[in-house]
Protein backbone atom coordinates (compact mmCIF):
# COMPACT_ATOMS: atom_id res chain seq x y z
CA UNK A 1 73.78 38.46 31.61
CA UNK A 2 77.11 39.73 32.95
CA UNK A 3 76.93 42.76 30.60
CA UNK A 4 73.51 43.76 31.95
CA UNK A 5 74.68 43.46 35.55
CA UNK A 6 77.83 45.47 34.80
CA UNK A 7 75.74 48.13 33.04
CA UNK A 8 73.46 48.40 36.08
CA UNK A 9 76.46 48.76 38.39
CA UNK A 10 77.90 51.53 36.20
CA UNK A 11 74.53 53.32 36.19
CA UNK A 12 74.33 53.01 39.99
CA UNK A 13 77.85 54.41 40.35
CA UNK A 14 77.02 57.41 38.09
CA UNK A 15 73.78 58.12 40.00
CA UNK A 16 75.56 58.05 43.35
CA UNK A 17 78.32 60.33 42.06
CA UNK A 18 75.80 62.89 40.78
CA UNK A 19 73.68 62.68 43.94
CA UNK A 20 76.67 63.62 46.11
CA UNK A 21 75.97 67.31 45.41
CA UNK A 22 72.32 67.19 46.47
CA UNK A 23 71.63 69.37 49.50
CA UNK A 24 69.49 66.72 51.19
CA UNK A 25 72.44 64.33 51.24
CA UNK A 26 74.99 66.92 52.36
CA UNK A 27 73.07 68.29 55.29
CA UNK A 28 74.40 67.70 58.75
CA UNK A 29 72.47 66.00 61.47
CA UNK A 30 70.55 68.66 63.40
CA UNK A 31 70.20 71.06 60.47
CA UNK A 32 66.90 72.92 60.27
CA UNK A 33 65.00 72.11 57.08
CA UNK A 34 62.11 74.11 55.68
CA UNK A 35 60.27 75.15 52.56
CA UNK A 36 61.05 78.59 51.15
CA UNK A 37 58.19 80.57 49.65
CA UNK A 38 57.23 84.11 48.81
CA UNK A 39 54.23 86.19 49.89
CA UNK A 40 54.28 89.40 47.90
CA UNK A 41 57.94 90.45 47.90
CA UNK A 42 58.71 88.82 51.26
CA UNK A 43 60.70 85.59 51.34
CA UNK A 44 59.66 83.26 54.13
CA UNK A 45 60.22 79.74 55.42
CA UNK A 46 57.90 77.19 56.88
CA UNK A 47 58.96 74.17 58.91
CA UNK A 48 59.19 71.04 56.81
CA UNK A 49 56.83 69.22 59.18
CA UNK A 50 54.05 71.76 58.64
CA UNK A 51 53.89 71.22 54.87
CA UNK A 52 52.57 67.90 53.59
CA UNK A 53 52.88 68.67 49.88
CA UNK A 54 53.26 71.40 47.30
CA UNK A 55 50.86 71.72 44.38
CA UNK A 56 50.45 73.80 41.29
CA UNK A 57 47.24 75.76 41.48
CA UNK A 58 44.40 73.26 40.91
CA UNK A 59 41.06 74.08 39.35
CA UNK A 60 38.70 75.29 42.04
CA UNK A 61 35.14 76.38 42.71
CA UNK A 62 34.51 79.68 44.46
CA UNK A 63 32.62 79.62 47.74
CA UNK A 64 29.69 82.08 47.94
CA UNK A 65 29.59 84.28 51.03
CA UNK A 66 33.29 83.84 51.79
CA UNK A 67 35.87 86.53 52.45
CA UNK A 68 37.96 87.65 49.44
CA UNK A 69 41.04 85.71 50.58
CA UNK A 70 39.12 82.42 50.42
CA UNK A 71 40.04 81.25 46.94
CA UNK A 72 37.63 78.31 46.86
CA UNK A 73 37.43 74.54 47.10
CA UNK A 74 39.46 72.16 44.91
CA UNK A 75 39.07 68.46 44.30
CA UNK A 76 42.55 67.01 44.75
CA UNK A 77 42.74 63.26 44.17
CA UNK A 78 39.13 62.82 45.30
CA UNK A 79 39.41 64.92 48.46
CA UNK A 80 38.13 68.46 48.93
CA UNK A 81 40.85 70.98 49.69
CA UNK A 82 39.96 74.51 50.84
CA UNK A 83 42.27 77.07 49.22
CA UNK A 84 43.22 80.24 51.08
CA UNK A 85 45.24 83.18 49.72
CA UNK A 86 47.76 83.92 52.51
CA UNK A 87 48.71 87.29 51.03
CA UNK A 88 45.05 88.26 50.81
CA UNK A 89 44.47 87.24 54.42
CA UNK A 90 47.53 89.03 55.77
CA UNK A 91 47.69 92.19 53.68
CA UNK A 92 44.16 92.46 52.31
CA UNK A 93 45.61 92.44 48.78
CA UNK A 94 44.65 89.19 47.07
CA UNK A 95 47.04 87.70 44.54
CA UNK A 96 46.59 89.38 41.20
CA UNK A 97 47.08 86.16 39.27
CA UNK A 98 46.03 83.29 41.50
CA UNK A 99 46.40 80.80 38.67
CA UNK A 100 50.17 81.44 38.78
CA UNK A 101 50.35 80.83 42.53
CA UNK A 102 51.52 77.66 44.22
CA UNK A 103 49.80 75.80 47.03
CA UNK A 104 51.39 74.71 50.30
CA UNK A 105 49.22 71.97 51.73
CA UNK A 106 49.21 72.03 55.52
CA UNK A 107 47.64 69.31 57.61
CA UNK A 108 46.80 71.02 60.87
CA UNK A 109 43.97 70.51 63.32
CA UNK A 110 43.20 67.27 61.49
CA UNK A 111 42.27 69.10 58.31
CA UNK A 112 44.13 69.69 55.06
CA UNK A 113 44.24 73.32 53.98
CA UNK A 114 45.76 74.67 50.77
CA UNK A 115 47.62 77.92 51.34
CA UNK A 116 48.18 79.85 48.13
CA UNK A 117 51.53 81.67 47.91
CA UNK A 118 53.17 83.68 45.13
CA UNK A 119 56.10 81.33 44.60
CA UNK A 120 57.83 78.28 46.05
CA UNK A 121 61.56 78.80 46.59
CA UNK A 122 62.39 75.16 47.33
CA UNK A 123 63.95 73.31 50.24
CA UNK A 124 66.19 75.37 52.47
CA UNK A 125 68.71 73.97 54.93
CA UNK A 126 70.16 76.02 57.76
CA UNK A 127 72.67 75.25 60.46
CA UNK A 128 71.29 75.86 63.93
CA UNK A 129 73.98 78.54 64.41
CA UNK A 130 72.22 80.59 61.71
CA UNK A 131 69.01 80.75 63.77
CA UNK A 132 68.14 84.12 65.29
CA UNK A 133 65.31 85.57 67.28
CA UNK A 134 66.24 89.08 66.17
CA UNK A 135 63.69 89.57 63.47
CA UNK A 136 64.33 91.62 60.37
CA UNK A 137 62.08 94.47 59.33
CA UNK A 138 58.88 92.76 58.28
CA UNK A 139 55.36 93.90 57.62
CA UNK A 140 53.39 94.35 60.87
CA UNK A 141 50.65 92.03 59.65
CA UNK A 142 53.20 89.18 59.37
CA UNK A 143 54.60 89.60 62.90
CA UNK A 144 52.03 87.40 64.72
CA UNK A 145 53.14 84.47 62.56
CA UNK A 146 56.93 84.96 62.85
CA UNK A 147 58.84 83.95 65.95
CA UNK A 148 62.31 83.27 64.60
CA UNK A 149 64.42 83.65 61.48
CA UNK A 150 67.60 82.35 59.92
CA UNK A 151 70.38 84.67 58.84
CA UNK A 152 72.82 83.76 56.08
CA UNK A 153 74.97 85.88 53.80
CA UNK A 154 73.31 89.18 54.81
CA UNK A 155 69.83 87.77 54.15
CA UNK A 156 67.13 87.03 56.69
CA UNK A 157 64.69 84.17 56.21
CA UNK A 158 61.78 84.65 58.66
CA UNK A 159 60.03 81.43 59.69
CA UNK A 160 56.29 81.69 59.08
CA UNK A 161 54.27 79.45 61.41
CA UNK A 162 51.47 77.75 59.49
CA UNK A 163 50.25 76.42 62.84
CA UNK A 164 49.85 79.98 64.17
CA UNK A 165 48.00 80.95 60.98
CA UNK A 166 45.55 78.05 61.18
CA UNK A 167 44.86 78.79 64.86
CA UNK A 168 44.28 82.52 64.29
CA UNK A 169 40.62 83.35 65.02
CA UNK A 170 40.48 85.76 62.09
CA UNK A 171 41.60 82.97 59.76
CA UNK A 172 38.95 80.64 61.14
CA UNK A 173 36.22 83.20 60.37
CA UNK A 174 36.21 82.84 56.58
CA UNK A 175 32.53 83.75 56.07
CA UNK A 176 31.49 87.33 55.29
C-alpha cells in the first residue's frame, strides 16, 4: 500500500512540475484573457467571457431562404445550434472550405450561436499595459466590431466584439 501511495505522490509531483510552464498558471492577476482566431488572413481576439466553447465543424443542415453566410443548423448534444460564417457576413466572401472551419459558440441574448471562423489560435494572455485603443490597419467591414487591440512584439491583436456582432441589425436579418 505504501508503494502505491508513494507512486501517486511522485506522479503528482511530476504533473505539478510540468504544469508550471502552462500559460494559465503563469498569468498575473488582472491579465486580459481571450481566444485568438482568424477570419481570412486577419488575426483577432474575442473576450474569454463571450465564448462558451469551441467546436470542430459539426454536421449541419442548410436553411432554405437564408443569406449565403448562414451555414445552417447543427444538432450539438441534442440542442439546435445556428451556424454563421463570420467571414461571409463581414466580407461577403464565404469560407471556401467550411468543413475545415472551427466554431466559436457564443451565448448572447439568451441564445447560443455558432460562429464559423477559419482557424482557432488558442488562448491568449495580455498584460493590461499592452492594451491600446490605437487600432491597426484593418478592413473597413471589421471596424464596427473592433474597439480596442493589444500590441505585443510588433503585432496587433484587434479585439472582435461578438456582442456587437450579435446585436448588429444586419446580422439579425439572416433571411433573404
